[in-house]
Protein backbone atom coordinates (compact mmCIF):
# COMPACT_ATOMS: atom_id res chain seq x y z
CA MET A 1 -3.98 -9.26 33.94
CA ALA A 2 -5.92 -12.29 35.06
CA THR A 3 -3.93 -15.33 36.13
CA ILE A 4 -4.54 -18.78 34.67
CA GLU A 5 -6.19 -19.74 37.97
CA GLU A 6 -8.57 -16.75 37.81
CA PHE A 7 -9.38 -17.61 34.18
CA GLU A 8 -10.14 -21.24 35.05
CA ALA A 9 -12.21 -20.16 38.07
CA ALA A 10 -14.23 -17.81 35.84
CA ALA A 11 -14.77 -20.65 33.36
CA ALA A 12 -16.10 -22.86 36.17
CA ARG A 13 -18.26 -20.01 37.49
CA SER A 14 -19.73 -19.40 34.03
CA LYS A 15 -21.41 -22.81 34.29
CA GLU A 16 -23.27 -21.64 37.43
CA LEU A 17 -25.25 -18.82 35.84
CA PRO A 18 -28.81 -18.77 37.20
CA ALA A 19 -30.31 -18.58 33.69
CA LYS A 20 -29.07 -19.61 30.28
CA PRO A 21 -27.52 -16.57 28.56
CA ASP A 22 -28.68 -15.43 25.13
CA ASN A 23 -26.81 -16.62 22.05
CA MET A 24 -24.70 -13.46 21.68
CA THR A 25 -23.50 -13.77 25.27
CA LEU A 26 -22.71 -17.45 24.76
CA LEU A 27 -20.74 -16.66 21.61
CA LYS A 28 -18.77 -13.94 23.40
CA LEU A 29 -17.98 -16.32 26.26
CA TYR A 30 -16.90 -18.99 23.78
CA ALA A 31 -14.75 -16.63 21.70
CA LEU A 32 -12.97 -15.08 24.67
CA TYR A 33 -12.41 -18.47 26.27
CA LYS A 34 -10.92 -19.93 23.09
CA GLN A 35 -8.76 -16.85 22.47
CA GLY A 36 -7.59 -16.89 26.09
CA SER A 37 -6.81 -20.60 26.13
CA GLU A 38 -5.59 -21.26 22.58
CA GLY A 39 -4.86 -17.93 20.90
CA ASP A 40 -5.87 -17.02 17.36
CA VAL A 41 -8.27 -19.27 15.51
CA SER A 42 -6.72 -21.61 12.97
CA GLY A 43 -8.06 -23.79 10.22
CA ASP A 44 -10.70 -23.16 7.65
CA ARG A 45 -14.09 -21.64 8.34
CA PRO A 46 -16.77 -24.35 8.43
CA GLY A 47 -19.00 -24.46 5.41
CA GLY A 48 -22.35 -25.88 4.51
CA PHE A 49 -25.29 -25.67 6.84
CA ASP A 50 -23.51 -26.06 10.18
CA PHE A 51 -24.62 -22.61 11.31
CA LYS A 52 -23.62 -23.16 14.93
CA ALA A 53 -20.04 -24.06 13.97
CA ILE A 54 -19.88 -21.10 11.59
CA ALA A 55 -21.11 -18.70 14.30
CA LYS A 56 -18.58 -20.05 16.80
CA TYR A 57 -15.74 -19.81 14.28
CA ASP A 58 -16.69 -16.26 13.32
CA ALA A 59 -16.96 -15.18 16.96
CA TRP A 60 -13.52 -16.59 17.74
CA ALA A 61 -12.05 -15.11 14.54
CA GLY A 62 -13.39 -11.75 15.71
CA GLN A 63 -10.90 -11.92 18.59
CA ARG A 64 -7.93 -12.47 16.23
CA GLY A 65 -4.88 -10.45 17.22
CA LYS A 66 -5.92 -10.08 20.86
CA SER A 67 -3.27 -11.49 23.20
CA GLN A 68 -4.18 -14.51 25.29
CA GLU A 69 -3.56 -12.48 28.45
CA GLU A 70 -5.89 -9.71 27.31
CA ALA A 71 -8.58 -12.24 26.32
CA ARG A 72 -8.29 -13.99 29.69
CA GLN A 73 -8.75 -10.70 31.55
CA GLU A 74 -11.70 -9.72 29.35
CA TYR A 75 -13.25 -13.17 29.90
CA VAL A 76 -12.87 -12.93 33.70
CA ASP A 77 -14.37 -9.43 33.70
CA PHE A 78 -17.24 -10.50 31.43
CA VAL A 79 -18.12 -13.53 33.57
CA HIS A 80 -18.11 -11.35 36.69
CA SER A 81 -20.40 -8.84 34.95
CA LEU A 82 -22.94 -11.62 34.26
CA PHE A 83 -23.38 -12.07 38.02
CA ALA A 84 -23.75 -8.36 38.81
């Protein structure tokens, strides 16, 4: 499993991508990061016309039940794959 230091290093590295990733990649990065750092999503799903907030909430909720350690490892692996 990835250590906290490896997770944080991957988060910093994700900001150095040569090109902006597509929206699905950004949502996956966001969801895995949030799951790895905070655990399962809490609170109510945003409503109205805040489509960005809804998409982010739904992506994070899609990781529900995954352990923080597993999410951190998946995040580290995913970030590394974006540089391959």
